[in-house]
């Protein structure tokens, strides 16, 4: 995907303050860009935002990508697919931060979405997961239609993957105008990490334990099937050990980052660096690039970096 992109290795750092935008460039470009110079944000393919508030950094990152109207049109039905898989609090780092989800709900509705759905196929009991994660309350307050996963809405579909040839896919997530993947970055005992691509395991039904056989390939198979318009990686806090369920807050670190991209491979490759892994150390990331799903070298997308006060 976009293999013709030149390998420019710098990140544009943007500090946002009440007086406006102060824009600088580094690694290796050192020339200062005027705050009045127009940056073609609609062409951005990746944004990395740092700051003390998940809501603020999500909002700033989406704006830097060109705004949610780039991805959502008036009257659209949108599905957000966060990780709500475990009966854990936000501080335990096993689920997507509720403020990340609610910020995206508001942005989608403000862009003209007719409906914003939020759902996941949880591992623990759904009502406990939805409540304890804080996602159900925050998403509803923002105006979302929060749905529990309903297997009656699964439909067997041709996945066409190397390992996953066909599988039951949930229509509440599939039959939408805009699909946005909203994973959390965390440790996983089998795939090393679970972020964007692994998050699709919660978009399907069936005997999901079988998907853990040759897990790197099944992750790629599902990622080739699902077509998100945007991936929003919650790395505000990350679970560094004992994932995917976690439980001990001593295993949680706080990078206070949200990264967003139109490239599923690049976003997971970047996420790996937060765990001190090189992007080619994750097998499913390497296989996904080989299959043409995206690029491992996320720096080739010249990601724009924001620092929000």
Protein backbone atom coordinates (compact mmCIF):
# COMPACT_ATOMS: atom_id res chain seq x y z
CA UNK A 1 0.00 0.00 0.00
CA UNK A 2 1.46 3.32 -1.12
CA UNK A 3 4.84 1.71 -1.78
CA UNK A 4 5.78 4.69 -3.95
CA UNK A 5 5.85 7.02 -0.96
CA UNK A 6 9.33 8.47 -0.56
CA UNK A 7 11.17 7.40 2.58
CA UNK A 8 11.35 10.78 4.28
CA UNK A 9 12.39 10.23 7.86
CA UNK A 10 11.10 13.10 9.87
CA UNK A 11 8.11 13.77 12.04
CA UNK A 12 6.42 17.12 12.18
CA UNK A 13 5.97 18.10 15.75
CA UNK A 14 3.11 20.44 16.53
CA UNK A 15 2.61 22.06 19.91
CA UNK A 16 -0.90 23.31 20.51
CA UNK A 17 -1.55 26.09 22.98
CA UNK A 18 -4.19 28.72 23.55
CA UNK A 19 -2.43 31.18 21.29
CA UNK A 20 -2.54 28.85 18.30
CA UNK A 21 -0.21 26.37 16.57
CA UNK A 22 3.55 26.44 16.82
CA UNK A 23 4.91 24.13 14.15
CA UNK A 24 8.44 22.82 13.89
CA UNK A 25 10.14 20.03 11.96
CA UNK A 26 12.89 17.70 13.05
CA UNK A 27 14.82 14.54 12.14
CA UNK A 28 16.58 15.80 10.11
CA UNK A 29 14.71 18.87 8.82
CA UNK A 30 15.39 21.88 11.04
CA UNK A 31 13.74 24.73 9.14
CA UNK A 32 10.84 26.40 10.95
CA UNK A 33 7.45 26.39 9.27
CA UNK A 34 5.30 29.46 9.77
CA UNK A 35 2.10 28.93 11.74
CA UNK A 36 0.28 30.73 8.94
CA UNK A 37 1.53 28.29 6.29
CA UNK A 38 -1.25 25.96 5.23
CA UNK A 39 -0.52 22.30 5.85
CA UNK A 40 -2.49 19.89 3.63
CA UNK A 41 -3.97 17.99 6.58
CA UNK A 42 -6.47 16.20 4.35
CA UNK A 43 -3.51 14.32 2.86
CA UNK A 44 -2.21 13.10 6.24
CA UNK A 45 -1.99 9.34 6.62
CA UNK A 46 -0.88 9.21 10.24
CA UNK A 47 -0.97 11.49 13.27
CA UNK A 48 0.54 10.87 16.72
CA UNK A 49 -0.83 13.04 19.53
CA UNK A 50 0.53 13.42 23.08
CA UNK A 51 -1.21 15.11 25.99
CA UNK A 52 -2.83 14.87 29.41
CA UNK A 53 -6.41 14.40 28.18
CA UNK A 54 -7.57 11.49 25.97
CA UNK A 55 -10.50 13.59 24.73
CA UNK A 56 -8.27 16.51 23.71
CA UNK A 57 -5.62 14.45 21.95
CA UNK A 58 -8.19 12.44 19.99
CA UNK A 59 -9.91 15.64 18.90
CA UNK A 60 -6.62 17.27 17.90
CA UNK A 61 -5.42 14.18 16.04
CA UNK A 62 -8.61 13.85 14.02
CA UNK A 63 -8.52 17.55 13.19
CA UNK A 64 -4.92 17.19 12.00
CA UNK A 65 -6.01 14.35 9.70
CA UNK A 66 -8.42 16.72 8.01
CA UNK A 67 -11.36 16.44 10.37
CA UNK A 68 -13.93 13.69 10.78
CA UNK A 69 -15.81 14.86 7.69
CA UNK A 70 -12.94 13.32 5.72
CA UNK A 71 -14.19 9.92 6.87
CA UNK A 72 -17.85 10.42 7.80
CA UNK A 73 -20.52 11.87 5.52
CA UNK A 74 -23.90 13.29 6.46
CA UNK A 75 -26.39 10.51 7.11
CA UNK A 76 -23.77 7.80 7.57
CA UNK A 77 -24.15 4.88 9.94
CA UNK A 78 -20.85 4.54 11.74
CA UNK A 79 -19.54 1.63 13.80
CA UNK A 80 -16.80 2.09 16.39
CA UNK A 81 -15.03 -1.13 17.36
CA UNK A 82 -13.23 -0.55 20.69
CA UNK A 83 -11.73 -3.28 22.85
CA UNK A 84 -14.28 -3.95 25.63
CA UNK A 85 -13.24 -7.56 26.03
CA UNK A 86 -12.52 -7.73 29.75
CA UNK A 87 -14.14 -6.96 33.07
CA UNK A 88 -11.56 -4.32 33.88
CA UNK A 89 -11.46 -0.65 34.87
CA UNK A 90 -9.85 1.94 32.58
CA UNK A 91 -6.86 2.19 34.93
CA UNK A 92 -6.05 -1.50 34.40
CA UNK A 93 -5.30 -0.90 30.71
CA UNK A 94 -7.08 -3.95 29.25
CA UNK A 95 -9.80 -2.01 27.41
CA UNK A 96 -10.02 1.09 25.26
CA UNK A 97 -10.17 4.29 27.28
CA UNK A 98 -13.80 5.47 27.56
CA UNK A 99 -12.84 9.08 26.83
CA UNK A 100 -11.27 8.02 23.52
CA UNK A 101 -14.53 6.35 22.54
CA UNK A 102 -16.78 9.22 23.62
CA UNK A 103 -14.62 11.77 21.80
CA UNK A 104 -14.95 9.78 18.57
CA UNK A 105 -18.70 9.45 19.02
CA UNK A 106 -19.06 13.23 19.32
CA UNK A 107 -16.80 13.86 16.34
CA UNK A 108 -18.77 11.44 14.16
CA UNK A 109 -22.12 12.94 15.14
CA UNK A 110 -20.82 16.46 14.61
CA UNK A 111 -19.69 15.37 11.14
CA UNK A 112 -23.30 14.46 10.35
CA UNK A 113 -23.48 10.75 11.17
CA UNK A 114 -27.04 9.48 11.45
CA UNK A 115 -26.04 6.83 13.97
CA UNK A 116 -22.88 5.81 15.79
CA UNK A 117 -22.78 2.24 17.01
CA UNK A 118 -20.37 1.00 19.67
CA UNK A 119 -19.97 -2.73 20.26
CA UNK A 120 -17.56 -5.60 20.86
CA UNK A 121 -17.74 -9.37 21.26
CA UNK A 122 -16.43 -9.57 24.81
CA UNK A 123 -14.49 -12.38 26.49
CA UNK A 124 -15.93 -11.84 29.97
CA UNK A 125 -19.68 -11.32 30.51
CA UNK A 126 -20.75 -8.43 28.30
CA UNK A 127 -22.74 -6.35 30.78
CA UNK A 128 -19.90 -6.39 33.30
CA UNK A 129 -17.33 -5.49 30.65
CA UNK A 130 -19.39 -2.66 29.20
CA UNK A 131 -20.09 -1.18 32.61
CA UNK A 132 -16.74 -1.59 34.34
CA UNK A 133 -14.73 -0.36 31.37
CA UNK A 134 -16.71 2.88 31.52
CA UNK A 135 -17.35 2.65 27.78
CA UNK A 136 -21.09 2.04 27.91
CA UNK A 137 -21.80 5.11 30.05
CA UNK A 138 -19.42 7.44 28.23
CA UNK A 139 -20.52 6.37 24.76
CA UNK A 140 -24.22 6.71 25.59
CA UNK A 141 -23.63 10.14 27.13
CA UNK A 142 -21.96 11.23 23.89
CA UNK A 143 -24.95 10.05 21.84
CA UNK A 144 -23.90 6.60 20.69
CA UNK A 145 -26.10 3.59 20.19
CA UNK A 146 -24.37 1.05 22.45
CA UNK A 147 -25.07 -2.50 21.34
CA UNK A 148 -24.33 -5.83 22.91
CA UNK A 149 -22.95 -8.40 20.53
CA UNK A 150 -25.84 -10.46 19.14
CA UNK A 151 -24.86 -13.76 17.53
CA UNK A 152 -28.20 -13.81 15.72
CA UNK A 153 -26.76 -10.99 13.61
CA UNK A 154 -23.74 -13.04 12.57
CA UNK A 155 -23.55 -14.05 8.93
CA UNK A 156 -21.16 -16.59 7.47
CA UNK A 157 -18.95 -14.74 5.01
CA UNK A 158 -16.10 -15.57 2.71
CA UNK A 159 -12.99 -14.17 4.36
CA UNK A 160 -10.69 -15.55 1.68
CA UNK A 161 -7.70 -15.78 3.97
CA UNK A 162 -4.92 -18.30 4.07
CA UNK A 163 -6.23 -19.82 7.30
CA UNK A 164 -9.63 -18.17 7.71
CA UNK A 165 -11.51 -19.07 4.55
CA UNK A 166 -14.97 -18.23 5.88
CA UNK A 167 -16.23 -17.11 9.26
CA UNK A 168 -19.34 -15.62 10.93
CA UNK A 169 -19.11 -11.82 10.84
CA UNK A 170 -21.39 -9.54 12.82
CA UNK A 171 -23.62 -7.41 10.60
CA UNK A 172 -23.95 -4.64 13.20
CA UNK A 173 -20.29 -3.93 12.49
CA UNK A 174 -20.12 -4.96 8.85
CA UNK A 175 -23.20 -3.33 7.31
CA UNK A 176 -22.24 0.28 7.97
CA UNK A 177 -21.09 3.25 5.94
CA UNK A 178 -17.99 3.87 8.03
CA UNK A 179 -16.05 1.46 10.24
CA UNK A 180 -13.54 2.86 12.74
CA UNK A 181 -11.22 0.55 14.67
CA UNK A 182 -10.51 1.80 18.21
CA UNK A 183 -8.09 -0.64 19.87
CA UNK A 184 -6.04 -0.33 23.04
CA UNK A 185 -2.31 -1.09 22.95
CA UNK A 186 -1.40 -3.94 25.27
CA UNK A 187 0.58 -7.11 25.83
CA UNK A 188 -0.79 -10.40 24.55
CA UNK A 189 0.49 -13.82 25.59
CA UNK A 190 0.25 -15.36 22.11
CA UNK A 191 0.72 -12.58 19.57
CA UNK A 192 3.09 -10.55 21.82
CA UNK A 193 0.89 -7.46 21.42
CA UNK A 194 -2.74 -6.78 20.60
CA UNK A 195 -3.59 -3.50 18.93
CA UNK A 196 -5.51 -2.71 15.75
CA UNK A 197 -5.37 -5.84 13.65
CA UNK A 198 -5.89 -8.25 16.54
CA UNK A 199 -8.92 -6.19 17.59
CA UNK A 200 -10.93 -7.72 14.71
CA UNK A 201 -11.26 -10.91 16.76
CA UNK A 202 -14.02 -9.01 18.59
CA UNK A 203 -15.88 -8.29 15.35
CA UNK A 204 -16.66 -11.93 14.63
CA UNK A 205 -18.52 -14.79 16.27
CA UNK A 206 -18.08 -18.52 16.05
CA UNK A 207 -15.49 -20.59 17.89
CA UNK A 208 -12.92 -17.85 18.26
CA UNK A 209 -10.50 -20.10 20.12
CA UNK A 210 -9.71 -21.63 16.72
CA UNK A 211 -8.47 -18.24 15.54
CA UNK A 212 -5.64 -18.52 18.05
CA UNK A 213 -4.18 -21.41 16.08
CA UNK A 214 -1.53 -19.86 13.82
CA UNK A 215 -2.59 -16.55 15.33
CA UNK A 216 -0.31 -14.29 13.28
CA UNK A 217 -1.83 -15.52 10.03
CA UNK A 218 -5.42 -15.39 11.28
CA UNK A 219 -4.88 -11.81 12.45
CA UNK A 220 -3.77 -10.90 8.94
CA UNK A 221 -6.64 -12.81 7.31
CA UNK A 222 -9.27 -10.86 9.27
CA UNK A 223 -7.44 -7.57 8.75
CA UNK A 224 -7.52 -8.07 5.00
CA UNK A 225 -11.28 -8.62 5.20
CA UNK A 226 -12.28 -5.65 7.35
CA UNK A 227 -11.92 -2.21 5.75
CA UNK A 228 -11.77 0.50 8.43
CA UNK A 229 -11.67 4.07 7.22
CA UNK A 230 -9.59 4.96 10.26
CA UNK A 231 -7.69 3.22 13.06
CA UNK A 232 -7.45 5.09 16.38
CA UNK A 233 -4.90 3.47 18.69
CA UNK A 234 -5.44 4.21 22.37
CA UNK A 235 -1.99 4.27 23.95
CA UNK A 236 -2.90 6.76 26.63
CA UNK A 237 -2.01 3.97 29.01
CA UNK A 238 -0.63 0.62 27.91
CA UNK A 239 -0.63 -2.80 29.54
CA UNK A 240 2.97 -3.99 29.39
CA UNK A 241 2.62 -7.44 30.99
CA UNK A 242 0.06 -10.15 31.77
CA UNK A 243 -2.15 -9.31 28.82
CA UNK A 244 -4.61 -9.43 27.34
CA UNK A 245 -6.65 -9.49 30.55
CA UNK A 246 -4.28 -7.78 32.96
CA UNK A 247 -5.54 -6.68 36.33
CA UNK A 248 -2.51 -5.28 38.13
CA UNK A 249 -2.05 -1.53 37.72
CA UNK A 250 1.71 -1.98 38.27
CA UNK A 251 1.77 -3.52 34.77
CA UNK A 252 0.41 -0.29 33.26
CA UNK A 253 2.48 2.59 31.88
CA UNK A 254 1.27 6.00 30.71
CA UNK A 255 2.68 7.18 27.35
CA UNK A 256 -0.40 9.47 27.07
CA UNK A 257 -0.55 8.97 23.30
CA UNK A 258 -3.26 8.45 20.74
CA UNK A 259 -2.10 7.52 17.23
CA UNK A 260 -4.44 7.48 14.24
CA UNK A 261 -3.90 6.31 10.68
CA UNK A 262 -5.57 5.07 7.54
CA UNK A 263 -2.94 2.29 7.44
CA UNK A 264 -3.63 -0.74 9.66
CA UNK A 265 -0.07 -2.03 9.45
CA UNK A 266 1.64 1.29 10.17
CA UNK A 267 -0.44 1.93 13.28
CA UNK A 268 0.45 -1.45 14.79
CA UNK A 269 4.08 -1.05 13.81
CA UNK A 270 4.18 2.27 15.63
CA UNK A 271 2.41 0.76 18.63
CA UNK A 272 5.11 -1.87 18.90
CA UNK A 273 7.72 0.82 19.48
CA UNK A 274 5.92 1.81 22.68
CA UNK A 275 6.86 -1.64 23.98
CA UNK A 276 10.48 -1.28 22.80
CA UNK A 277 9.92 -3.54 19.81
CA UNK A 278 11.11 -2.84 16.28
CA UNK A 279 8.26 -2.91 13.81
CA UNK A 280 9.55 -6.08 12.10
CA UNK A 281 9.64 -7.99 15.40
CA UNK A 282 5.87 -8.52 15.27
CA UNK A 283 5.23 -11.46 12.97
CA UNK A 284 1.69 -10.46 11.99
CA UNK A 285 2.88 -6.97 11.07
CA UNK A 286 5.55 -8.43 8.83
CA UNK A 287 3.09 -10.84 7.17
CA UNK A 288 0.51 -8.06 6.72
CA UNK A 289 2.98 -5.92 4.81
CA UNK A 290 3.90 -8.90 2.62
CA UNK A 291 0.20 -9.26 1.80
CA UNK A 292 0.02 -5.61 0.73
CA UNK A 293 -2.15 -4.45 3.63
CA UNK A 294 0.10 -1.53 4.58
CA UNK A 295 3.65 -0.48 5.47
CA UNK A 296 5.74 -1.53 8.46
CA UNK A 297 8.01 1.48 8.18
CA UNK A 298 5.47 3.96 9.51
CA UNK A 299 8.00 6.79 9.15
CA UNK A 300 7.48 6.51 5.38
CA UNK A 301 4.04 8.04 5.99
CA UNK A 302 5.77 11.10 7.51
CA UNK A 303 3.50 11.04 10.56
CA UNK A 304 2.57 14.38 12.04
CA UNK A 305 3.24 14.58 15.76
CA UNK A 306 1.18 16.81 18.07
CA UNK A 307 1.89 17.85 21.62
CA UNK A 308 -1.25 19.08 23.35
CA UNK A 309 -1.07 21.05 26.59
